[in-house]
Amino acid sequence: MQVTRTKLEGVLLVKPEIFEDFRGQYVETYNDKVYAEHGIGIKFVQDDISVSSRHVLRGIHGDSETWKLVSCMYGKFYLMVVNCDTGSKDFGQWQSFVLSAGNRLQVLIPPKYGNGHVVVSEQAIFHYKQSSYYNPKGQFTYKWNDPKLKLWWPIKNPILSQRDEAGHFVE
């Protein structure tokens, strides 16, 4: 497994080992002992997936307490990670990643960071492990096209949920 720091403090890019032969692939997607040896000693308590079609955009969502380990189980999506900590000197900085069933990359996202993704394949399965139980009241939602954040997305007219349509702009 390779763990790489990104330009965002606390955000890590994880490349699991992939065993591949004529039968297909074998990938260990999580092993708490191995992850702890690489500095990721977080206790995860919940796993979730979202299944979406091409051009569906979800996010920017987050909260102040949850670590997330994000991966793509099927298809391909463009992942956006944004520092949403208003007390941070790096507030508003962002980085994007392309996660797919082919590259098997994972991104570790700390609390106070928001994430969103847009599906660029026909369909994609977005998987994430969480360090705390989902609490809708503790969530924040920023608009995907907030002019102050200046996020770059690979599409102009995504398909959005009501939650994402109603998200707020950075003040």
C-alpha atoms as a PDB file:
ATOM      1  CA  MET A   1       0.000   0.000   0.000  1.00  0.00           C
ATOM      2  CA  GLN A   2       1.235   3.498  -0.840  1.00  0.00           C
ATOM      3  CA  VAL A   3       0.111   6.513   1.189  1.00  0.00           C
ATOM      4  CA  THR A   4       0.819   9.978  -0.222  1.00  0.00           C
ATOM      5  CA  ARG A   5       0.211  13.382   1.350  1.00  0.00           C
ATOM      6  CA  THR A   6      -1.733  15.812  -0.795  1.00  0.00           C
ATOM      7  CA  LYS A   7      -1.574  19.609  -0.943  1.00  0.00           C
ATOM      8  CA  LEU A   8      -4.426  19.735   1.610  1.00  0.00           C
ATOM      9  CA  GLU A   9      -3.351  19.257   5.213  1.00  0.00           C
ATOM     10  CA  GLY A  10      -4.579  15.921   6.596  1.00  0.00           C
ATOM     11  CA  VAL A  11      -5.898  14.653   3.245  1.00  0.00           C
ATOM     12  CA  LEU A  12      -4.150  11.463   2.118  1.00  0.00           C
ATOM     13  CA  LEU A  13      -4.166   9.571  -1.172  1.00  0.00           C
ATOM     14  CA  VAL A  14      -4.064   5.803  -0.649  1.00  0.00           C
ATOM     15  CA  LYS A  15      -3.143   3.270  -3.319  1.00  0.00           C
ATOM     16  CA  PRO A  16      -3.919  -0.264  -2.148  1.00  0.00           C
ATOM     17  CA  GLU A  17      -1.996  -3.220  -3.526  1.00  0.00           C
ATOM     18  CA  ILE A  18      -3.738  -4.886  -6.430  1.00  0.00           C
ATOM     19  CA  PHE A  19      -3.159  -8.538  -7.257  1.00  0.00           C
ATOM     20  CA  GLU A  20      -4.057  -9.211 -10.856  1.00  0.00           C
ATOM     21  CA  ASP A  21      -3.882 -12.317 -12.998  1.00  0.00           C
ATOM     22  CA  PHE A  22      -5.809 -14.005 -15.811  1.00  0.00           C
ATOM     23  CA  ARG A  23      -8.844 -14.432 -13.508  1.00  0.00           C
ATOM     24  CA  GLY A  24      -9.189 -10.743 -12.627  1.00  0.00           C
ATOM     25  CA  GLN A  25      -8.244  -8.701  -9.550  1.00  0.00           C
ATOM     26  CA  TYR A  26      -7.999  -9.067  -5.810  1.00  0.00           C
ATOM     27  CA  VAL A  27      -7.827  -5.882  -3.720  1.00  0.00           C
ATOM     28  CA  GLU A  28      -7.851  -5.591   0.051  1.00  0.00           C
ATOM     29  CA  THR A  29      -9.851  -2.392   0.490  1.00  0.00           C
ATOM     30  CA  TYR A  30      -9.287  -2.031   4.228  1.00  0.00           C
ATOM     31  CA  ASN A  31      -7.300  -3.687   7.008  1.00  0.00           C
ATOM     32  CA  ASP A  32      -7.116  -1.698  10.245  1.00  0.00           C
ATOM     33  CA  LYS A  33      -3.698  -3.117  11.177  1.00  0.00           C
ATOM     34  CA  VAL A  34      -2.121  -2.280   7.808  1.00  0.00           C
ATOM     35  CA  TYR A  35      -3.732   1.168   7.702  1.00  0.00           C
ATOM     36  CA  ALA A  36      -2.538   1.924  11.266  1.00  0.00           C
ATOM     37  CA  GLU A  37       1.005   0.955  10.227  1.00  0.00           C
ATOM     38  CA  HIS A  38       0.734   3.653   7.536  1.00  0.00           C
ATOM     39  CA  GLY A  39      -0.462   6.330   9.969  1.00  0.00           C
ATOM     40  CA  ILE A  40      -4.189   5.869   9.443  1.00  0.00           C
ATOM     41  CA  GLY A  41      -5.293   4.689  12.884  1.00  0.00           C
ATOM     42  CA  ILE A  42      -8.887   5.850  12.654  1.00  0.00           C
ATOM     43  CA  LYS A  43     -11.754   3.796  14.001  1.00  0.00           C
ATOM     44  CA  PHE A  44     -14.457   3.607  11.354  1.00  0.00           C
ATOM     45  CA  VAL A  45     -18.018   2.879  12.506  1.00  0.00           C
ATOM     46  CA  GLN A  46     -20.153   3.093   9.371  1.00  0.00           C
ATOM     47  CA  ASP A  47     -19.864   2.188   5.682  1.00  0.00           C
ATOM     48  CA  ASP A  48     -22.062   3.751   3.005  1.00  0.00           C
ATOM     49  CA  ILE A  49     -22.396   3.690  -0.765  1.00  0.00           C
ATOM     50  CA  SER A  50     -24.167   5.885  -3.263  1.00  0.00           C
ATOM     51  CA  VAL A  51     -24.975   4.694  -6.758  1.00  0.00           C
ATOM     52  CA  SER A  52     -25.300   7.427  -9.365  1.00  0.00           C
ATOM     53  CA  SER A  53     -25.533   7.870 -13.121  1.00  0.00           C
ATOM     54  CA  ARG A  54     -23.437  10.016 -15.461  1.00  0.00           C
ATOM     55  CA  HIS A  55     -23.379  13.746 -14.574  1.00  0.00           C
ATOM     56  CA  VAL A  56     -24.940  13.321 -11.123  1.00  0.00           C
ATOM     57  CA  LEU A  57     -23.081  15.622  -8.741  1.00  0.00           C
ATOM     58  CA  ARG A  58     -23.284  15.095  -4.980  1.00  0.00           C
ATOM     59  CA  GLY A  59     -21.843  17.635  -2.546  1.00  0.00           C
ATOM     60  CA  ILE A  60     -20.063  19.636  -1.233  1.00  0.00           C
ATOM     61  CA  HIS A  61     -20.967  17.919   2.094  1.00  0.00           C
ATOM     62  CA  GLY A  62     -19.213  17.454   5.417  1.00  0.00           C
ATOM     63  CA  ASP A  63     -19.260  17.974   9.168  1.00  0.00           C
ATOM     64  CA  SER A  64     -16.910  18.907  11.995  1.00  0.00           C
ATOM     65  CA  GLU A  65     -16.211  15.430  13.392  1.00  0.00           C
ATOM     66  CA  THR A  66     -16.150  12.753  10.674  1.00  0.00           C
ATOM     67  CA  TRP A  67     -13.177  11.221   8.923  1.00  0.00           C
ATOM     68  CA  LYS A  68     -14.093   9.599   5.588  1.00  0.00           C
ATOM     69  CA  LEU A  69     -12.185   7.056   3.525  1.00  0.00           C
ATOM     70  CA  VAL A  70     -13.581   7.364  -0.015  1.00  0.00           C
ATOM     71  CA  SER A  71     -13.202   4.899  -2.885  1.00  0.00           C
ATOM     72  CA  CYS A  72     -14.856   3.956  -6.162  1.00  0.00           C
ATOM     73  CA  MET A  73     -16.219   0.416  -6.323  1.00  0.00           C
ATOM     74  CA  TYR A  74     -17.560   0.633  -9.878  1.00  0.00           C
ATOM     75  CA  GLY A  75     -17.253   3.133 -12.699  1.00  0.00           C
ATOM     76  CA  LYS A  76     -15.413   6.446 -12.413  1.00  0.00           C
ATOM     77  CA  PHE A  77     -15.969   9.774 -10.686  1.00  0.00           C
ATOM     78  CA  TYR A  78     -14.259  13.098 -10.188  1.00  0.00           C
ATOM     79  CA  LEU A  79     -13.833  13.777  -6.462  1.00  0.00           C
ATOM     80  CA  MET A  80     -13.560  17.290  -5.040  1.00  0.00           C
ATOM     81  CA  VAL A  81     -12.178  17.849  -1.511  1.00  0.00           C
ATOM     82  CA  VAL A  82     -12.452  21.341   0.019  1.00  0.00           C
ATOM     83  CA  ASN A  83     -11.095  22.770   3.267  1.00  0.00           C
ATOM     84  CA  CYS A  84     -14.284  24.107   4.901  1.00  0.00           C
ATOM     85  CA  ASP A  85     -12.705  24.997   8.257  1.00  0.00           C
ATOM     86  CA  THR A  86     -13.469  28.721   8.566  1.00  0.00           C
ATOM     87  CA  GLY A  87     -10.783  28.995  11.259  1.00  0.00           C
ATOM     88  CA  SER A  88      -8.049  27.626   8.989  1.00  0.00           C
ATOM     89  CA  LYS A  89      -5.631  29.797   7.038  1.00  0.00           C
ATOM     90  CA  ASP A  90      -6.250  27.354   4.165  1.00  0.00           C
ATOM     91  CA  PHE A  91     -10.048  27.749   4.191  1.00  0.00           C
ATOM     92  CA  GLY A  92     -11.425  27.335   0.664  1.00  0.00           C
ATOM     93  CA  GLN A  93      -8.419  25.503  -0.758  1.00  0.00           C
ATOM     94  CA  TRP A  94      -9.384  22.451  -2.754  1.00  0.00           C
ATOM     95  CA  GLN A  95      -7.949  19.501  -4.627  1.00  0.00           C
ATOM     96  CA  SER A  96      -9.547  17.090  -7.059  1.00  0.00           C
ATOM     97  CA  PHE A  97      -8.922  13.401  -7.724  1.00  0.00           C
ATOM     98  CA  VAL A  98     -10.176  10.871 -10.263  1.00  0.00           C
ATOM     99  CA  LEU A  99     -11.207   7.641  -8.570  1.00  0.00           C
ATOM    100  CA  SER A 100     -12.225   4.573 -10.529  1.00  0.00           C
ATOM    101  CA  ALA A 101     -12.710   0.838 -10.298  1.00  0.00           C
ATOM    102  CA  GLY A 102      -9.579   0.634 -12.474  1.00  0.00           C
ATOM    103  CA  ASN A 103      -7.159   2.675 -10.343  1.00  0.00           C
ATOM    104  CA  ARG A 104      -8.635   1.647  -6.930  1.00  0.00           C
ATOM    105  CA  LEU A 105      -7.374   4.864  -5.326  1.00  0.00           C
ATOM    106  CA  GLN A 106      -8.766   5.956  -1.971  1.00  0.00           C
ATOM    107  CA  VAL A 107      -8.834   9.420  -0.399  1.00  0.00           C
ATOM    108  CA  LEU A 108      -8.832  10.003   3.357  1.00  0.00           C
ATOM    109  CA  ILE A 109     -10.775  13.178   4.197  1.00  0.00           C
ATOM    110  CA  PRO A 110     -10.522  14.768   7.667  1.00  0.00           C
ATOM    111  CA  PRO A 111     -13.287  16.495   9.642  1.00  0.00           C
ATOM    112  CA  LYS A 112     -14.108  20.073   8.585  1.00  0.00           C
ATOM    113  CA  TYR A 113     -13.433  19.201   4.959  1.00  0.00           C
ATOM    114  CA  GLY A 114     -16.234  18.920   2.465  1.00  0.00           C
ATOM    115  CA  ASN A 115     -16.350  16.532  -0.422  1.00  0.00           C
ATOM    116  CA  GLY A 116     -18.371  16.182  -3.555  1.00  0.00           C
ATOM    117  CA  HIS A 117     -18.184  14.071  -6.652  1.00  0.00           C
ATOM    118  CA  VAL A 118     -19.544  13.968 -10.166  1.00  0.00           C
ATOM    119  CA  VAL A 119     -19.931  10.718 -12.088  1.00  0.00           C
ATOM    120  CA  VAL A 120     -18.039  10.654 -15.388  1.00  0.00           C
ATOM    121  CA  SER A 121     -18.838   7.043 -16.399  1.00  0.00           C
ATOM    122  CA  GLU A 122     -22.299   5.700 -17.237  1.00  0.00           C
ATOM    123  CA  GLN A 123     -22.737   4.723 -13.581  1.00  0.00           C
ATOM    124  CA  ALA A 124     -20.524   4.720 -10.493  1.00  0.00           C
ATOM    125  CA  ILE A 125     -20.591   3.339  -6.971  1.00  0.00           C
ATOM    126  CA  PHE A 126     -19.114   5.771  -4.429  1.00  0.00           C
ATOM    127  CA  HIS A 127     -18.044   3.983  -1.218  1.00  0.00           C
ATOM    128  CA  TYR A 128     -16.997   5.602   2.024  1.00  0.00           C
ATOM    129  CA  LYS A 129     -16.115   4.530   5.525  1.00  0.00           C
ATOM    130  CA  GLN A 130     -17.003   7.033   8.280  1.00  0.00           C
ATOM    131  CA  SER A 131     -15.512   7.535  11.739  1.00  0.00           C
ATOM    132  CA  SER A 132     -18.845   8.703  13.189  1.00  0.00           C
ATOM    133  CA  TYR A 133     -22.473   7.865  12.591  1.00  0.00           C
ATOM    134  CA  TYR A 134     -24.326   9.951  10.040  1.00  0.00           C
ATOM    135  CA  ASN A 135     -25.951  12.983  11.659  1.00  0.00           C
ATOM    136  CA  PRO A 136     -27.909  15.066   9.136  1.00  0.00           C
ATOM    137  CA  LYS A 137     -28.281  17.953  11.628  1.00  0.00           C
ATOM    138  CA  GLY A 138     -24.485  18.306  11.925  1.00  0.00           C
ATOM    139  CA  GLN A 139     -23.891  18.471   8.170  1.00  0.00           C
ATOM    140  CA  PHE A 140     -22.989  21.455   6.025  1.00  0.00           C
ATOM    141  CA  THR A 141     -23.649  21.784   2.294  1.00  0.00           C
ATOM    142  CA  TYR A 142     -21.840  24.278   0.090  1.00  0.00           C
ATOM    143  CA  LYS A 143     -22.935  24.935  -3.460  1.00  0.00           C
ATOM    144  CA  TRP A 144     -20.875  23.075  -6.048  1.00  0.00           C
ATOM    145  CA  ASN A 145     -20.499  26.269  -8.091  1.00  0.00           C
ATOM    146  CA  ASP A 146     -19.718  28.753  -5.318  1.00  0.00           C
ATOM    147  CA  PRO A 147     -17.867  31.622  -7.045  1.00  0.00           C
ATOM    148  CA  LYS A 148     -15.689  32.270  -3.970  1.00  0.00           C
ATOM    149  CA  LEU A 149     -14.376  28.688  -3.924  1.00  0.00           C
ATOM    150  CA  LYS A 150     -13.605  28.705  -7.665  1.00  0.00           C
ATOM    151  CA  LEU A 151     -13.952  24.919  -7.942  1.00  0.00           C
ATOM    152  CA  TRP A 152     -13.263  23.376 -11.336  1.00  0.00           C
ATOM    153  CA  TRP A 153     -15.627  20.607 -12.414  1.00  0.00           C
ATOM    154  CA  PRO A 154     -15.439  18.615 -15.664  1.00  0.00           C
ATOM    155  CA  ILE A 155     -19.091  19.418 -16.515  1.00  0.00           C
ATOM    156  CA  LYS A 156     -21.181  22.595 -16.579  1.00  0.00           C
ATOM    157  CA  ASN A 157     -24.763  21.379 -15.967  1.00  0.00           C
ATOM    158  CA  PRO A 158     -24.797  18.560 -13.411  1.00  0.00           C
ATOM    159  CA  ILE A 159     -27.823  16.688 -12.114  1.00  0.00           C
ATOM    160  CA  LEU A 160     -28.388  17.837  -8.505  1.00  0.00           C
ATOM    161  CA  SER A 161     -30.514  16.807  -5.532  1.00  0.00           C
ATOM    162  CA  GLN A 162     -32.767  19.278  -3.715  1.00  0.00           C
ATOM    163  CA  ARG A 163     -30.212  19.369  -0.891  1.00  0.00           C
ATOM    164  CA  ASP A 164     -27.447  20.391  -3.277  1.00  0.00           C
ATOM    165  CA  GLU A 165     -29.655  22.912  -5.087  1.00  0.00           C
ATOM    166  CA  ALA A 166     -30.453  24.502  -1.706  1.00  0.00           C
ATOM    167  CA  GLY A 167     -26.840  24.497  -0.437  1.00  0.00           C
ATOM    168  CA  HIS A 168     -25.362  27.801   0.625  1.00  0.00           C
ATOM    169  CA  PHE A 169     -22.560  29.990  -0.653  1.00  0.00           C
ATOM    170  CA  VAL A 170     -19.448  30.739   1.420  1.00  0.00           C
ATOM    171  CA  GLU A 171     -19.969  33.962   3.391  1.00  0.00           C
END
